[in-house]
Amino acid sequence: MKTSKNFMQTSATEWEVVEPGIKRKILGYDESLMLVQVFFQKGSIGVEHQHHHSQSTLVGAGVFEITIDGVTQKLVKGDSFYVPPN
């Protein structure tokens, strides 16, 4: 995978529908890290998955429930989580 540009404007990046009720904007990446803005409609559930990038996420609004390695947590605006690669 190539590396993204050094500077990316969120307003100039199009939303991509990932699955019903979930969309994202890829804002930067390289071989080990990807920065993505994701929007979940209330009640939407993402499919369990894995990827080779490290992922660090900040909850921007609402309540977000996530399961990592079998442990589920409810997070609120300002909380964050980290997912190691693979």
Protein backbone atom coordinates (compact mmCIF):
# COMPACT_ATOMS: atom_id res chain seq x y z
CA MET A 1 0.00 0.00 0.00
CA LYS A 2 1.31 3.44 -0.84
CA THR A 3 1.39 6.36 1.57
CA SER A 4 -1.25 9.10 1.46
CA LYS A 5 -0.52 12.77 0.93
CA ASN A 6 0.92 14.60 3.93
CA PHE A 7 -2.04 16.98 4.15
CA MET A 8 -5.68 16.09 3.56
CA GLN A 9 -8.73 18.32 4.00
CA THR A 10 -11.73 16.55 5.53
CA SER A 11 -14.09 18.89 3.65
CA ALA A 12 -12.55 17.83 0.32
CA THR A 13 -12.79 14.09 1.06
CA GLU A 14 -15.92 12.22 -0.04
CA TRP A 15 -17.87 9.90 2.26
CA GLU A 16 -17.69 6.20 1.28
CA VAL A 17 -20.58 3.94 2.32
CA VAL A 18 -19.05 0.90 4.06
CA GLU A 19 -22.32 -0.88 4.81
CA PRO A 20 -25.90 0.25 5.53
CA GLY A 21 -25.85 3.01 8.14
CA ILE A 22 -22.04 3.30 8.20
CA LYS A 23 -19.87 5.63 6.13
CA ARG A 24 -16.23 6.72 6.29
CA LYS A 25 -13.63 9.17 5.02
CA ILE A 26 -10.05 7.89 4.75
CA LEU A 27 -7.92 10.83 5.88
CA GLY A 28 -4.39 9.41 5.90
CA TYR A 29 -2.45 6.16 5.86
CA ASP A 30 0.85 4.36 5.41
CA GLU A 31 1.94 0.73 5.80
CA SER A 32 1.17 0.59 9.53
CA LEU A 33 -1.45 3.23 10.44
CA MET A 34 -4.70 4.50 8.94
CA LEU A 35 -6.73 7.55 10.03
CA VAL A 36 -10.43 7.30 9.20
CA GLN A 37 -13.45 9.41 10.14
CA VAL A 38 -16.42 7.06 10.55
CA PHE A 39 -20.11 7.86 11.00
CA PHE A 40 -22.56 5.30 12.40
CA GLN A 41 -26.29 5.97 12.20
CA LYS A 42 -27.97 5.24 15.54
CA GLY A 43 -28.44 1.46 15.86
CA SER A 44 -25.97 0.52 13.08
CA ILE A 45 -23.62 -2.36 13.79
CA GLY A 46 -20.31 -2.89 12.02
CA VAL A 47 -19.17 -6.33 10.92
CA GLU A 48 -16.39 -7.87 13.03
CA HIS A 49 -13.14 -7.64 11.08
CA GLN A 50 -9.38 -7.25 11.26
CA HIS A 51 -6.76 -5.42 9.22
CA HIS A 52 -3.01 -4.98 9.09
CA HIS A 53 -3.09 -1.33 10.25
CA SER A 54 -2.97 -0.16 13.84
CA GLN A 55 -6.16 1.71 14.71
CA SER A 56 -6.65 4.39 17.32
CA THR A 57 -10.11 5.90 17.63
CA LEU A 58 -11.63 8.91 19.39
CA VAL A 59 -15.40 8.89 19.92
CA GLY A 60 -16.59 12.26 18.62
CA ALA A 61 -20.25 12.08 19.67
CA GLY A 62 -22.85 9.77 21.15
CA VAL A 63 -22.25 6.33 22.67
CA PHE A 64 -20.16 3.69 20.93
CA GLU A 65 -20.00 0.03 21.96
CA ILE A 66 -16.97 -1.94 20.78
CA THR A 67 -15.59 -5.43 21.36
CA ILE A 68 -11.82 -6.00 21.18
CA ASP A 69 -10.38 -9.46 21.88
CA GLY A 70 -13.67 -10.57 23.45
CA VAL A 71 -13.96 -7.58 25.82
CA THR A 72 -16.89 -5.19 25.21
CA GLN A 73 -16.92 -1.58 26.39
CA LYS A 74 -19.40 1.30 26.01
CA LEU A 75 -17.56 4.52 25.25
CA VAL A 76 -18.85 8.10 25.12
CA LYS A 77 -17.73 11.35 23.52
CA GLY A 78 -14.08 11.99 24.38
CA ASP A 79 -13.26 8.32 25.12
CA SER A 80 -10.90 6.38 22.88
CA PHE A 81 -9.70 2.89 22.07
CA TYR A 82 -6.70 1.24 20.40
CA VAL A 83 -6.74 -1.87 18.23
CA PRO A 84 -3.39 -3.51 17.46
CA PRO A 85 -2.79 -4.80 13.93
CA ASN A 86 -4.18 -8.18 12.84
